[in-house]
Amino acid sequence: MLAARFMPEVVRIKMMKKKCSGQLLVEILIGLAVITVALVISLTAVTHATKVSRVARNRLEATKYGEKVTETYRNTRDLDREAFFGSQTCNNPCGTFGDNGMYGCTMTCVFTPGGAATRVDVTVTMSWNDSGNTISVSLPTVLTKYDL
């Protein structure tokens, strides 16, 4: 300790440089690691947000197509209610919708009571494939023979 106090200034500076050699490289590597982690976290968040947005957009579009199918079936009922409830058949206006037939449509109808139906429970289900997962939206409605 006493020797360090009486050393010439030049020797002391050389010893300090020797102790600090490589420290700058370590600081740079740590800084790059921190930046890399921050970028990976940001990229993951953006990717997730994009997927959630796409699913929401597709769900909205599928709901729109399902409502069109329901309205078509409702118009069929409104044209001739007696024939509609007398036949008790589900004239399925479904098909495929959207770009390249992206959305598939299925429709189920349950007429009640049997024989002289006055009510039909209709469920339109729109489904599509999103990144290997099948997603669907169901739109139930009730059509009656008489206005309420």
N, C-alpha and C. Protein backbone atom coordinates (compact mmCIF):
# COMPACT_ATOMS: atom_id res chain seq x y z
N MET A 1 0.81 -1.17 0.00
CA MET A 1 0.00 0.00 0.00
C MET A 1 0.87 1.26 0.00
N LEU A 2 1.92 1.23 0.85
CA LEU A 2 2.81 2.37 0.89
C LEU A 2 3.58 2.50 -0.42
N ALA A 3 3.91 1.35 -0.99
CA ALA A 3 4.67 1.38 -2.24
C ALA A 3 3.84 2.02 -3.34
N ALA A 4 2.53 1.76 -3.37
CA ALA A 4 1.68 2.33 -4.40
C ALA A 4 1.59 3.84 -4.26
N ARG A 5 1.69 4.31 -3.03
CA ARG A 5 1.59 5.75 -2.81
C ARG A 5 2.82 6.47 -3.34
N PHE A 6 3.98 5.82 -3.27
CA PHE A 6 5.21 6.47 -3.71
C PHE A 6 5.62 6.12 -5.13
N MET A 7 4.83 5.30 -5.84
CA MET A 7 5.16 4.95 -7.23
C MET A 7 4.98 6.17 -8.12
N PRO A 8 5.79 6.21 -9.13
CA PRO A 8 5.57 7.31 -10.09
C PRO A 8 4.20 7.17 -10.75
N GLU A 9 3.66 8.27 -11.14
CA GLU A 9 2.31 8.32 -11.73
C GLU A 9 2.21 7.45 -12.98
N VAL A 10 3.17 7.41 -13.82
CA VAL A 10 3.14 6.63 -15.07
C VAL A 10 3.00 5.15 -14.77
N VAL A 11 3.71 4.65 -13.78
CA VAL A 11 3.65 3.24 -13.43
C VAL A 11 2.28 2.89 -12.89
N ARG A 12 1.71 3.77 -12.07
CA ARG A 12 0.39 3.54 -11.51
C ARG A 12 -0.67 3.47 -12.61
N ILE A 13 -0.61 4.33 -13.60
CA ILE A 13 -1.56 4.34 -14.72
C ILE A 13 -1.44 3.06 -15.53
N LYS A 14 -0.22 2.59 -15.76
CA LYS A 14 -0.02 1.35 -16.51
C LYS A 14 -0.63 0.17 -15.77
N MET A 15 -0.51 0.14 -14.44
CA MET A 15 -1.06 -0.95 -13.65
C MET A 15 -2.59 -0.92 -13.68
N MET A 16 -3.17 0.27 -13.66
CA MET A 16 -4.63 0.39 -13.73
C MET A 16 -5.13 -0.07 -15.08
N LYS A 17 -4.44 0.27 -16.15
CA LYS A 17 -4.83 -0.16 -17.49
C LYS A 17 -4.79 -1.67 -17.60
N LYS A 18 -3.79 -2.28 -16.98
CA LYS A 18 -3.66 -3.72 -17.01
C LYS A 18 -4.85 -4.38 -16.32
N LYS A 19 -5.28 -3.81 -15.17
CA LYS A 19 -6.40 -4.35 -14.43
C LYS A 19 -7.71 -4.21 -15.21
N CYS A 20 -7.86 -3.15 -16.00
CA CYS A 20 -9.11 -2.86 -16.72
C CYS A 20 -9.14 -3.44 -18.12
N SER A 21 -8.09 -4.09 -18.57
CA SER A 21 -8.09 -4.59 -19.94
C SER A 21 -9.15 -5.68 -20.08
N GLY A 22 -9.97 -5.61 -21.15
CA GLY A 22 -11.04 -6.56 -21.39
C GLY A 22 -12.36 -6.14 -20.77
N GLN A 23 -12.35 -5.18 -19.90
CA GLN A 23 -13.58 -4.75 -19.25
C GLN A 23 -14.52 -4.10 -20.26
N LEU A 24 -14.02 -3.35 -21.20
CA LEU A 24 -14.85 -2.70 -22.21
C LEU A 24 -15.55 -3.74 -23.07
N LEU A 25 -14.87 -4.80 -23.43
CA LEU A 25 -15.46 -5.87 -24.23
C LEU A 25 -16.62 -6.53 -23.48
N VAL A 26 -16.44 -6.78 -22.20
CA VAL A 26 -17.50 -7.38 -21.39
C VAL A 26 -18.70 -6.45 -21.32
N GLU A 27 -18.48 -5.16 -21.14
CA GLU A 27 -19.58 -4.21 -21.09
C GLU A 27 -20.35 -4.18 -22.40
N ILE A 28 -19.64 -4.25 -23.52
CA ILE A 28 -20.30 -4.26 -24.82
C ILE A 28 -21.13 -5.52 -24.99
N LEU A 29 -20.60 -6.66 -24.60
CA LEU A 29 -21.34 -7.92 -24.72
C LEU A 29 -22.59 -7.92 -23.84
N ILE A 30 -22.49 -7.40 -22.64
CA ILE A 30 -23.65 -7.31 -21.76
C ILE A 30 -24.70 -6.37 -22.36
N GLY A 31 -24.27 -5.26 -22.89
CA GLY A 31 -25.19 -4.33 -23.55
C GLY A 31 -25.91 -4.95 -24.73
N LEU A 32 -25.17 -5.70 -25.55
CA LEU A 32 -25.79 -6.38 -26.68
C LEU A 32 -26.80 -7.43 -26.22
N ALA A 33 -26.48 -8.14 -25.14
CA ALA A 33 -27.41 -9.14 -24.61
C ALA A 33 -28.70 -8.49 -24.14
N VAL A 34 -28.60 -7.37 -23.46
CA VAL A 34 -29.79 -6.66 -22.98
C VAL A 34 -30.64 -6.20 -24.16
N ILE A 35 -30.02 -5.64 -25.18
CA ILE A 35 -30.74 -5.17 -26.37
C ILE A 35 -31.41 -6.35 -27.07
N THR A 36 -30.71 -7.47 -27.18
CA THR A 36 -31.27 -8.65 -27.84
C THR A 36 -32.50 -9.16 -27.09
N VAL A 37 -32.43 -9.23 -25.79
CA VAL A 37 -33.57 -9.69 -24.99
C VAL A 37 -34.76 -8.74 -25.19
N ALA A 38 -34.51 -7.45 -25.17
CA ALA A 38 -35.59 -6.47 -25.36
C ALA A 38 -36.22 -6.62 -26.74
N LEU A 39 -35.41 -6.84 -27.77
CA LEU A 39 -35.95 -7.01 -29.12
C LEU A 39 -36.77 -8.30 -29.24
N VAL A 40 -36.31 -9.37 -28.64
CA VAL A 40 -37.06 -10.64 -28.69
C VAL A 40 -38.40 -10.49 -27.99
N ILE A 41 -38.42 -9.84 -26.84
CA ILE A 41 -39.69 -9.62 -26.12
C ILE A 41 -40.63 -8.76 -26.96
N SER A 42 -40.12 -7.71 -27.59
CA SER A 42 -40.95 -6.85 -28.43
C SER A 42 -41.50 -7.60 -29.63
N LEU A 43 -40.68 -8.40 -30.27
CA LEU A 43 -41.12 -9.16 -31.43
C LEU A 43 -42.19 -10.17 -31.04
N THR A 44 -42.05 -10.81 -29.91
CA THR A 44 -43.05 -11.76 -29.43
C THR A 44 -44.39 -11.05 -29.17
N ALA A 45 -44.33 -9.89 -28.57
CA ALA A 45 -45.56 -9.14 -28.29
C ALA A 45 -46.25 -8.71 -29.59
N VAL A 46 -45.49 -8.26 -30.55
CA VAL A 46 -46.07 -7.84 -31.84
C VAL A 46 -46.69 -9.04 -32.57
N THR A 47 -46.01 -10.17 -32.55
CA THR A 47 -46.54 -11.37 -33.20
C THR A 47 -47.85 -11.80 -32.56
N HIS A 48 -47.90 -11.80 -31.24
CA HIS A 48 -49.12 -12.18 -30.54
C HIS A 48 -50.27 -11.21 -30.85
N ALA A 49 -49.97 -9.92 -30.84
CA ALA A 49 -51.00 -8.92 -31.14
C ALA A 49 -51.53 -9.07 -32.56
N THR A 50 -50.66 -9.40 -33.49
CA THR A 50 -51.09 -9.61 -34.88
C THR A 50 -52.03 -10.81 -34.99
N LYS A 51 -51.71 -11.88 -34.29
CA LYS A 51 -52.55 -13.08 -34.32
C LYS A 51 -53.92 -12.79 -33.71
N VAL A 52 -53.94 -12.12 -32.57
CA VAL A 52 -55.21 -11.79 -31.91
C VAL A 52 -56.06 -10.90 -32.82
N SER A 53 -55.44 -9.96 -33.48
CA SER A 53 -56.15 -9.06 -34.40
C SER A 53 -56.74 -9.84 -35.57
N ARG A 54 -55.97 -10.77 -36.14
CA ARG A 54 -56.45 -11.57 -37.27
C ARG A 54 -57.65 -12.43 -36.87
N VAL A 55 -57.57 -13.05 -35.70
CA VAL A 55 -58.67 -13.90 -35.23
C VAL A 55 -59.93 -13.05 -35.02
N ALA A 56 -59.79 -11.88 -34.44
CA ALA A 56 -60.94 -10.99 -34.21
C ALA A 56 -61.56 -10.55 -35.53
N ARG A 57 -60.70 -10.22 -36.51
CA ARG A 57 -61.22 -9.81 -37.83
C ARG A 57 -61.97 -10.96 -38.49
N ASN A 58 -61.42 -12.16 -38.43
CA ASN A 58 -62.08 -13.32 -39.03
C ASN A 58 -63.39 -13.64 -38.33
N ARG A 59 -63.41 -13.51 -37.01
CA ARG A 59 -64.64 -13.78 -36.25
C ARG A 59 -65.74 -12.79 -36.64
N LEU A 60 -65.37 -11.54 -36.81
CA LEU A 60 -66.33 -10.51 -37.22
C LEU A 60 -66.87 -10.80 -38.62
N GLU A 61 -65.98 -11.17 -39.53
CA GLU A 61 -66.40 -11.47 -40.89
C GLU A 61 -67.29 -12.71 -40.94
N ALA A 62 -66.95 -13.74 -40.17
CA ALA A 62 -67.77 -14.96 -40.13
C ALA A 62 -69.15 -14.65 -39.56
N THR A 63 -69.22 -13.79 -38.54
CA THR A 63 -70.51 -13.40 -37.97
C THR A 63 -71.36 -12.68 -39.01
N LYS A 64 -70.74 -11.84 -39.79
CA LYS A 64 -71.47 -11.11 -40.85
C LYS A 64 -72.07 -12.10 -41.85
N TYR A 65 -71.29 -13.09 -42.30
CA TYR A 65 -71.80 -14.08 -43.24
C TYR A 65 -72.90 -14.93 -42.60
N GLY A 66 -72.73 -15.29 -41.33
CA GLY A 66 -73.76 -16.06 -40.63
C GLY A 66 -75.07 -15.30 -40.52
N GLU A 67 -74.99 -14.00 -40.28
CA GLU A 67 -76.21 -13.18 -40.22
C GLU A 67 -76.89 -13.12 -41.58
N LYS A 68 -76.12 -13.10 -42.66
CA LYS A 68 -76.72 -13.12 -44.01
C LYS A 68 -77.49 -14.41 -44.24
N VAL A 69 -76.92 -15.55 -43.80
CA VAL A 69 -77.60 -16.84 -43.96
C VAL A 69 -78.90 -16.84 -43.15
N THR A 70 -78.83 -16.34 -41.92
CA THR A 70 -80.03 -16.28 -41.06
C THR A 70 -81.10 -15.41 -41.70
N GLU A 71 -80.71 -14.27 -42.24
CA GLU A 71 -81.69 -13.38 -42.88
C GLU A 71 -82.29 -14.01 -44.13
N THR A 72 -81.49 -14.75 -44.88
CA THR A 72 -82.03 -15.44 -46.06
C THR A 72 -83.09 -16.45 -45.63
N TYR A 73 -82.81 -17.20 -44.57
CA TYR A 73 -83.77 -18.18 -44.08
C TYR A 73 -85.01 -17.49 -43.52
N ARG A 74 -84.83 -16.36 -42.85
CA ARG A 74 -85.97 -15.59 -42.32
C ARG A 74 -86.84 -15.08 -43.46
N ASN A 75 -86.22 -14.63 -44.56
CA ASN A 75 -86.99 -14.16 -45.72
C ASN A 75 -87.78 -15.29 -46.35
N THR A 76 -87.22 -16.50 -46.35
CA THR A 76 -87.94 -17.67 -46.87
C THR A 76 -89.19 -17.90 -46.02
N ARG A 77 -89.05 -17.78 -44.72
CA ARG A 77 -90.20 -17.93 -43.83
C ARG A 77 -91.23 -16.84 -44.10
N ASP A 78 -90.79 -15.60 -44.29
CA ASP A 78 -91.71 -14.48 -44.46
C ASP A 78 -92.48 -14.53 -45.77
N LEU A 79 -91.92 -15.19 -46.79
CA LEU A 79 -92.61 -15.27 -48.08
C LEU A 79 -93.90 -16.09 -47.98
N ASP A 80 -93.87 -17.20 -47.27
CA ASP A 80 -95.06 -18.05 -47.11
C ASP A 80 -94.93 -18.83 -45.80
N ARG A 81 -95.46 -18.27 -44.75
CA ARG A 81 -95.32 -18.88 -43.43
C ARG A 81 -96.00 -20.25 -43.35
N GLU A 82 -97.16 -20.38 -43.95
CA GLU A 82 -97.87 -21.66 -43.87
C GLU A 82 -97.07 -22.78 -44.54
N ALA A 83 -96.55 -22.50 -45.72
CA ALA A 83 -95.76 -23.51 -46.42
C ALA A 83 -94.44 -23.79 -45.69
N PHE A 84 -93.84 -22.75 -45.14
CA PHE A 84 -92.57 -22.90 -44.44
C PHE A 84 -92.72 -23.82 -43.24
N PHE A 85 -93.72 -23.55 -42.40
CA PHE A 85 -93.90 -24.38 -41.20
C PHE A 85 -94.59 -25.69 -41.53
N GLY A 86 -95.35 -25.74 -42.63
CA GLY A 86 -96.00 -27.00 -43.03
C GLY A 86 -95.00 -28.03 -43.53
N SER A 87 -93.97 -27.59 -44.24
CA SER A 87 -92.99 -28.54 -44.79
C SER A 87 -92.03 -29.06 -43.72
N GLN A 88 -91.79 -28.26 -42.71
CA GLN A 88 -90.87 -28.59 -41.62
C GLN A 88 -89.53 -29.14 -42.15
N THR A 89 -89.04 -28.50 -43.21
CA THR A 89 -87.73 -28.88 -43.74
C THR A 89 -86.78 -27.69 -43.61
N CYS A 90 -85.55 -28.01 -43.43
CA CYS A 90 -84.54 -26.99 -43.26
C CYS A 90 -83.90 -26.73 -44.63
N ASN A 91 -84.45 -25.77 -45.36
CA ASN A 91 -83.88 -25.40 -46.66
C ASN A 91 -82.60 -24.65 -46.39
N ASN A 92 -81.51 -25.36 -46.43
CA ASN A 92 -80.22 -24.85 -45.98
C ASN A 92 -79.60 -23.90 -47.02
N PRO A 93 -79.56 -22.60 -46.73
CA PRO A 93 -78.92 -21.65 -47.66
C PRO A 93 -77.41 -21.55 -47.44
N CYS A 94 -76.84 -22.50 -46.70
CA CYS A 94 -75.41 -22.44 -46.40
C CYS A 94 -74.56 -22.83 -47.60
N GLY A 95 -73.31 -22.53 -47.48
CA GLY A 95 -72.32 -22.86 -48.50
C GLY A 95 -70.97 -22.42 -47.96
N THR A 96 -70.14 -21.93 -48.84
CA THR A 96 -68.87 -21.36 -48.39
C THR A 96 -68.87 -19.88 -48.69
N PHE A 97 -68.18 -19.14 -47.86
CA PHE A 97 -68.16 -17.69 -47.97
C PHE A 97 -66.73 -17.19 -47.82
N GLY A 98 -66.53 -15.95 -48.20
CA GLY A 98 -65.22 -15.31 -48.02
C GLY A 98 -64.27 -15.61 -49.16
N ASP A 99 -63.07 -15.06 -49.04
CA ASP A 99 -62.04 -15.27 -50.05
C ASP A 99 -61.66 -16.74 -50.11
N ASN A 100 -61.72 -17.31 -51.30
CA ASN A 100 -61.36 -18.71 -51.53
C ASN A 100 -62.18 -19.66 -50.66
N GLY A 101 -63.41 -19.31 -50.36
CA GLY A 101 -64.27 -20.19 -49.55
C GLY A 101 -63.71 -20.45 -48.18
N MET A 102 -63.17 -19.43 -47.56
CA MET A 102 -62.50 -19.58 -46.26
C MET A 102 -63.44 -20.06 -45.16
N TYR A 103 -64.70 -19.59 -45.19
CA TYR A 103 -65.65 -19.89 -44.13
C TYR A 103 -66.64 -20.96 -44.59
N GLY A 104 -66.73 -22.03 -43.82
CA GLY A 104 -67.73 -23.06 -44.09
C GLY A 104 -68.95 -22.79 -43.23
N CYS A 105 -70.11 -23.20 -43.73
CA CYS A 105 -71.36 -22.90 -43.03
C CYS A 105 -72.16 -24.18 -42.84
N THR A 106 -72.70 -24.38 -41.65
CA THR A 106 -73.66 -25.45 -41.39
C THR A 106 -74.85 -24.84 -40.67
N MET A 107 -76.02 -25.44 -40.90
CA MET A 107 -77.22 -24.91 -40.29
C MET A 107 -78.07 -26.07 -39.79
N THR A 108 -78.59 -25.93 -38.57
CA THR A 108 -79.50 -26.93 -38.02
C THR A 108 -80.82 -26.26 -37.71
N CYS A 109 -81.91 -27.00 -37.93
CA CYS A 109 -83.25 -26.49 -37.67
C CYS A 109 -84.01 -27.52 -36.84
N VAL A 110 -84.67 -27.06 -35.80
CA VAL A 110 -85.51 -27.93 -34.99
C VAL A 110 -86.89 -27.29 -34.92
N PHE A 111 -87.88 -27.98 -35.54
CA PHE A 111 -89.25 -27.49 -35.54
C PHE A 111 -89.97 -28.02 -34.32
N THR A 112 -90.71 -27.15 -33.62
CA THR A 112 -91.49 -27.58 -32.46
C THR A 112 -92.84 -26.90 -32.49
N PRO A 113 -93.87 -27.43 -31.97
CA PRO A 113 -94.00 -28.85 -31.63
C PRO A 113 -94.12 -29.68 -32.90
N GLY A 114 -93.86 -30.97 -32.79
CA GLY A 114 -93.93 -31.86 -33.96
C GLY A 114 -95.35 -31.90 -34.52
N GLY A 115 -95.45 -32.06 -35.81
CA GLY A 115 -96.77 -32.14 -36.46
C GLY A 115 -97.24 -30.78 -36.93
N ALA A 116 -97.56 -29.89 -36.02
CA ALA A 116 -98.05 -28.56 -36.37
C ALA A 116 -97.10 -27.52 -35.80
N ALA A 117 -95.96 -27.42 -36.40
CA ALA A 117 -94.91 -26.55 -35.86
C ALA A 117 -95.29 -25.09 -35.94
N THR A 118 -94.96 -24.36 -34.88
CA THR A 118 -95.15 -22.91 -34.85
C THR A 118 -93.85 -22.20 -34.50
N ARG A 119 -92.81 -23.00 -34.32
CA ARG A 119 -91.53 -22.42 -33.93
C ARG A 119 -90.41 -23.27 -34.53
N VAL A 120 -89.33 -22.58 -34.95
CA VAL A 120 -88.15 -23.30 -35.41
C VAL A 120 -86.92 -22.66 -34.78
N ASP A 121 -86.12 -23.51 -34.14
CA ASP A 121 -84.85 -23.05 -33.57
C ASP A 121 -83.78 -23.28 -34.62
N VAL A 122 -83.15 -22.21 -35.04
CA VAL A 122 -82.15 -22.26 -36.10
C VAL A 122 -80.79 -21.90 -35.51
N THR A 123 -79.79 -22.71 -35.84
CA THR A 123 -78.42 -22.39 -35.44
C THR A 123 -77.54 -22.43 -36.68
N VAL A 124 -76.94 -21.31 -36.99
CA VAL A 124 -76.00 -21.21 -38.10
C VAL A 124 -74.60 -21.20 -37.49
N THR A 125 -73.77 -22.12 -37.96
CA THR A 125 -72.40 -22.19 -37.47
C THR A 125 -71.43 -21.93 -38.61
N MET A 126 -70.62 -20.91 -38.44
CA MET A 126 -69.58 -20.58 -39.42
C MET A 126 -68.25 -21.06 -38.84
N SER A 127 -67.48 -21.78 -39.64
CA SER A 127 -66.19 -22.27 -39.14
C SER A 127 -65.10 -22.03 -40.18
N TRP A 128 -63.88 -21.92 -39.69
CA TRP A 128 -62.73 -21.70 -40.57
C TRP A 128 -61.48 -22.21 -39.89
N ASN A 129 -60.45 -22.39 -40.69
CA ASN A 129 -59.18 -22.89 -40.20
C ASN A 129 -58.21 -21.72 -40.05
N ASP A 130 -57.62 -21.61 -38.87
CA ASP A 130 -56.66 -20.53 -38.61
C ASP A 130 -55.41 -21.13 -37.99
N SER A 131 -54.36 -21.23 -38.76
CA SER A 131 -53.07 -21.76 -38.29
C SER A 131 -53.20 -23.16 -37.70
N GLY A 132 -53.98 -23.99 -38.36
CA GLY A 132 -54.14 -25.37 -37.91
C GLY A 132 -55.24 -25.57 -36.89
N ASN A 133 -55.85 -24.51 -36.39
CA ASN A 133 -56.94 -24.61 -35.43
C ASN A 133 -58.26 -24.29 -36.12
N THR A 134 -59.29 -25.09 -35.87
CA THR A 134 -60.60 -24.81 -36.41
C THR A 134 -61.34 -23.93 -35.41
N ILE A 135 -61.76 -22.78 -35.89
CA ILE A 135 -62.49 -21.81 -35.06
C ILE A 135 -63.90 -21.70 -35.62
N SER A 136 -64.88 -21.56 -34.74
CA SER A 136 -66.25 -21.45 -35.22
C SER A 136 -67.03 -20.41 -34.43
N VAL A 137 -68.06 -19.90 -35.08
CA VAL A 137 -68.97 -18.94 -34.47
C VAL A 137 -70.38 -19.48 -34.68
N SER A 138 -71.15 -19.61 -33.62
CA SER A 138 -72.53 -20.09 -33.71
C SER A 138 -73.48 -18.94 -33.50
N LEU A 139 -74.49 -18.89 -34.35
CA LEU A 139 -75.50 -17.83 -34.28
C LEU A 139 -76.88 -18.46 -34.14
N PRO A 140 -77.37 -18.63 -32.92
CA PRO A 140 -78.70 -19.21 -32.74
C PRO A 140 -79.79 -18.14 -32.89
N THR A 141 -80.93 -18.55 -33.41
CA THR A 141 -82.08 -17.66 -33.49
C THR A 141 -83.35 -18.50 -33.46
N VAL A 142 -84.45 -17.86 -33.16
CA VAL A 142 -85.77 -18.53 -33.12
C VAL A 142 -86.67 -17.81 -34.10
N LEU A 143 -87.30 -18.59 -34.97
CA LEU A 143 -88.29 -18.05 -35.89
C LEU A 143 -89.66 -18.61 -35.51
N THR A 144 -90.67 -17.77 -35.43
CA THR A 144 -92.00 -18.23 -35.08
C THR A 144 -92.95 -18.02 -36.24
N LYS A 145 -94.05 -18.76 -36.18
CA LYS A 145 -95.04 -18.67 -37.24
C LYS A 145 -95.83 -17.36 -37.13
N TYR A 146 -95.99 -16.91 -35.92
CA TYR A 146 -96.80 -15.72 -35.68
C TYR A 146 -95.93 -14.58 -35.20
N ASP A 147 -96.30 -13.36 -35.56
CA ASP A 147 -95.56 -12.20 -35.08
C ASP A 147 -95.82 -12.02 -33.59
N LEU A 148 -94.80 -11.67 -32.88
CA LEU A 148 -94.95 -11.47 -31.43
C LEU A 148 -95.22 -10.03 -31.11
